[in-house]
Amino acid sequence: MTAHQLAPFDPLADQGSPNQHLDAAIDRAIRDLPPLELRFVRLRYGVGAPRRRPRDIARRLGISRGRVHQLELLALRDLRALSMPRDVPRRASAAERRRGTARI
């Protein structure tokens, strides 16, 4: 094989897709969400499935579009709370208040 026939250098060839690392990080971030919020995030943002529109999610979950919007707000608030460093004082998330596991 001559120098002109060599394959181009690909630094990620042996490391798998960069999306695999991103997918794993997202899975770790959302795994502590309540089941309905977790299912919503997967459907709405295409985590492990194609992205869905709010009306499609409402139809699939058997809920109203207004409830879909509420789930989105809850999930995003809970994800923000879960991403905060543990030593920073924070307010209890909605999920923690619902489950009665709020740490103050």
C-alpha atoms as a PDB file:
ATOM      1  CA  MET A   1       0.000   0.000   0.000  1.00  0.00           C
ATOM      2  CA  THR A   2       1.420   3.358  -0.969  1.00  0.00           C
ATOM      3  CA  ALA A   3       1.118   6.589   0.977  1.00  0.00           C
ATOM      4  CA  HIS A   4      -1.639   7.731  -1.387  1.00  0.00           C
ATOM      5  CA  GLN A   5      -3.707   4.630  -0.621  1.00  0.00           C
ATOM      6  CA  LEU A   6      -3.684   4.956   3.169  1.00  0.00           C
ATOM      7  CA  ALA A   7      -6.996   5.543   4.851  1.00  0.00           C
ATOM      8  CA  PRO A   8      -7.504   8.977   6.411  1.00  0.00           C
ATOM      9  CA  PHE A   9      -6.702   9.236  10.092  1.00  0.00           C
ATOM     10  CA  ASP A  10      -9.819   8.959  12.254  1.00  0.00           C
ATOM     11  CA  PRO A  11      -9.091   9.533  15.970  1.00  0.00           C
ATOM     12  CA  LEU A  12     -12.577   8.303  16.946  1.00  0.00           C
ATOM     13  CA  ALA A  13     -12.487   5.091  14.916  1.00  0.00           C
ATOM     14  CA  ASP A  14     -11.707   2.879  17.931  1.00  0.00           C
ATOM     15  CA  GLN A  15     -13.715   4.890  20.439  1.00  0.00           C
ATOM     16  CA  GLY A  16     -17.196   4.428  18.993  1.00  0.00           C
ATOM     17  CA  SER A  17     -19.535   7.253  18.143  1.00  0.00           C
ATOM     18  CA  PRO A  18     -19.279  10.512  20.111  1.00  0.00           C
ATOM     19  CA  ASN A  19     -23.055  10.234  20.494  1.00  0.00           C
ATOM     20  CA  GLN A  20     -22.617   7.063  22.555  1.00  0.00           C
ATOM     21  CA  HIS A  21     -20.903   9.085  25.270  1.00  0.00           C
ATOM     22  CA  LEU A  22     -23.545  11.793  25.068  1.00  0.00           C
ATOM     23  CA  ASP A  23     -26.358   9.217  25.218  1.00  0.00           C
ATOM     24  CA  ALA A  24     -24.785   7.609  28.291  1.00  0.00           C
ATOM     25  CA  ALA A  25     -24.435  11.007  30.004  1.00  0.00           C
ATOM     26  CA  ILE A  26     -28.065  11.859  29.263  1.00  0.00           C
ATOM     27  CA  ASP A  27     -29.237   8.476  30.559  1.00  0.00           C
ATOM     28  CA  ARG A  28     -27.343   9.086  33.819  1.00  0.00           C
ATOM     29  CA  ALA A  29     -28.853  12.567  34.111  1.00  0.00           C
ATOM     30  CA  ILE A  30     -32.470  11.507  33.636  1.00  0.00           C
ATOM     31  CA  ARG A  31     -32.531   8.152  35.432  1.00  0.00           C
ATOM     32  CA  ASP A  32     -33.643   9.724  38.737  1.00  0.00           C
ATOM     33  CA  LEU A  33     -36.726  11.387  37.267  1.00  0.00           C
ATOM     34  CA  PRO A  34     -40.149  10.005  38.209  1.00  0.00           C
ATOM     35  CA  PRO A  35     -41.386   7.418  35.646  1.00  0.00           C
ATOM     36  CA  LEU A  36     -43.853   9.675  33.820  1.00  0.00           C
ATOM     37  CA  GLU A  37     -41.338  12.535  33.536  1.00  0.00           C
ATOM     38  CA  LEU A  38     -38.673  10.076  32.382  1.00  0.00           C
ATOM     39  CA  ARG A  39     -40.972   8.710  29.658  1.00  0.00           C
ATOM     40  CA  PHE A  40     -41.870  12.258  28.629  1.00  0.00           C
ATOM     41  CA  VAL A  41     -38.219  13.341  28.321  1.00  0.00           C
ATOM     42  CA  ARG A  42     -37.404  10.284  26.225  1.00  0.00           C
ATOM     43  CA  LEU A  43     -40.306  10.978  23.853  1.00  0.00           C
ATOM     44  CA  ARG A  44     -40.009  14.774  23.666  1.00  0.00           C
ATOM     45  CA  TYR A  45     -36.260  15.055  23.246  1.00  0.00           C
ATOM     46  CA  GLY A  46     -35.597  11.836  21.358  1.00  0.00           C
ATOM     47  CA  VAL A  47     -33.583  10.024  24.013  1.00  0.00           C
ATOM     48  CA  GLY A  48     -33.523   6.441  22.776  1.00  0.00           C
ATOM     49  CA  ALA A  49     -36.497   7.094  20.485  1.00  0.00           C
ATOM     50  CA  PRO A  50     -37.498   9.535  17.742  1.00  0.00           C
ATOM     51  CA  ARG A  51     -38.480  13.030  18.925  1.00  0.00           C
ATOM     52  CA  ARG A  52     -42.219  13.541  19.289  1.00  0.00           C
ATOM     53  CA  ARG A  53     -44.383  16.650  19.183  1.00  0.00           C
ATOM     54  CA  PRO A  54     -46.420  17.552  22.284  1.00  0.00           C
ATOM     55  CA  ARG A  55     -49.704  16.522  20.655  1.00  0.00           C
ATOM     56  CA  ASP A  56     -48.233  13.135  19.701  1.00  0.00           C
ATOM     57  CA  ILE A  57     -46.985  12.650  23.266  1.00  0.00           C
ATOM     58  CA  ALA A  58     -50.414  13.586  24.644  1.00  0.00           C
ATOM     59  CA  ARG A  59     -52.068  11.038  22.385  1.00  0.00           C
ATOM     60  CA  ARG A  60     -49.517   8.332  23.193  1.00  0.00           C
ATOM     61  CA  LEU A  61     -49.687   8.859  26.974  1.00  0.00           C
ATOM     62  CA  GLY A  62     -53.441   9.481  27.022  1.00  0.00           C
ATOM     63  CA  ILE A  63     -53.114  12.941  28.605  1.00  0.00           C
ATOM     64  CA  SER A  64     -53.996  16.487  27.563  1.00  0.00           C
ATOM     65  CA  ARG A  65     -51.571  18.808  25.777  1.00  0.00           C
ATOM     66  CA  GLY A  66     -51.719  21.039  28.837  1.00  0.00           C
ATOM     67  CA  ARG A  67     -50.502  18.139  30.983  1.00  0.00           C
ATOM     68  CA  VAL A  68     -47.678  17.567  28.481  1.00  0.00           C
ATOM     69  CA  HIS A  69     -46.598  21.173  29.024  1.00  0.00           C
ATOM     70  CA  GLN A  70     -46.742  20.662  32.814  1.00  0.00           C
ATOM     71  CA  LEU A  71     -44.602  17.523  32.522  1.00  0.00           C
ATOM     72  CA  GLU A  72     -42.056  19.421  30.473  1.00  0.00           C
ATOM     73  CA  LEU A  73     -41.787  22.144  33.116  1.00  0.00           C
ATOM     74  CA  LEU A  74     -41.530  19.588  35.939  1.00  0.00           C
ATOM     75  CA  ALA A  75     -38.916  17.506  34.136  1.00  0.00           C
ATOM     76  CA  LEU A  76     -36.754  20.516  33.289  1.00  0.00           C
ATOM     77  CA  ARG A  77     -36.971  21.852  36.843  1.00  0.00           C
ATOM     78  CA  ASP A  78     -36.103  18.438  38.273  1.00  0.00           C
ATOM     79  CA  LEU A  79     -33.171  18.041  35.870  1.00  0.00           C
ATOM     80  CA  ARG A  80     -31.834  21.434  36.938  1.00  0.00           C
ATOM     81  CA  ALA A  81     -32.165  20.449  40.581  1.00  0.00           C
ATOM     82  CA  LEU A  82     -30.443  17.111  39.978  1.00  0.00           C
ATOM     83  CA  SER A  83     -27.557  18.836  38.184  1.00  0.00           C
ATOM     84  CA  MET A  84     -26.784  21.197  41.083  1.00  0.00           C
ATOM     85  CA  PRO A  85     -23.672  20.365  43.114  1.00  0.00           C
ATOM     86  CA  ARG A  86     -24.591  18.617  46.358  1.00  0.00           C
ATOM     87  CA  ASP A  87     -22.942  21.214  48.585  1.00  0.00           C
ATOM     88  CA  VAL A  88     -24.932  24.150  47.188  1.00  0.00           C
ATOM     89  CA  PRO A  89     -28.083  24.919  49.207  1.00  0.00           C
ATOM     90  CA  ARG A  90     -31.152  24.476  47.039  1.00  0.00           C
ATOM     91  CA  ARG A  91     -34.891  24.324  47.191  1.00  0.00           C
ATOM     92  CA  ALA A  92     -36.584  20.939  47.019  1.00  0.00           C
ATOM     93  CA  SER A  93     -37.631  19.932  43.499  1.00  0.00           C
ATOM     94  CA  ALA A  94     -41.251  19.299  42.680  1.00  0.00           C
ATOM     95  CA  ALA A  95     -40.535  15.565  42.402  1.00  0.00           C
ATOM     96  CA  GLU A  96     -38.951  15.515  45.860  1.00  0.00           C
ATOM     97  CA  ARG A  97     -41.903  17.390  47.339  1.00  0.00           C
ATOM     98  CA  ARG A  98     -44.358  14.953  45.711  1.00  0.00           C
ATOM     99  CA  ARG A  99     -42.417  11.943  47.006  1.00  0.00           C
ATOM    100  CA  GLY A 100     -41.863  13.497  50.435  1.00  0.00           C
ATOM    101  CA  THR A 101     -38.087  13.111  50.139  1.00  0.00           C
ATOM    102  CA  ALA A 102     -37.169  16.792  50.192  1.00  0.00           C
ATOM    103  CA  ARG A 103     -33.804  17.585  51.835  1.00  0.00           C
ATOM    104  CA  ILE A 104     -33.684  21.068  53.291  1.00  0.00           C
END
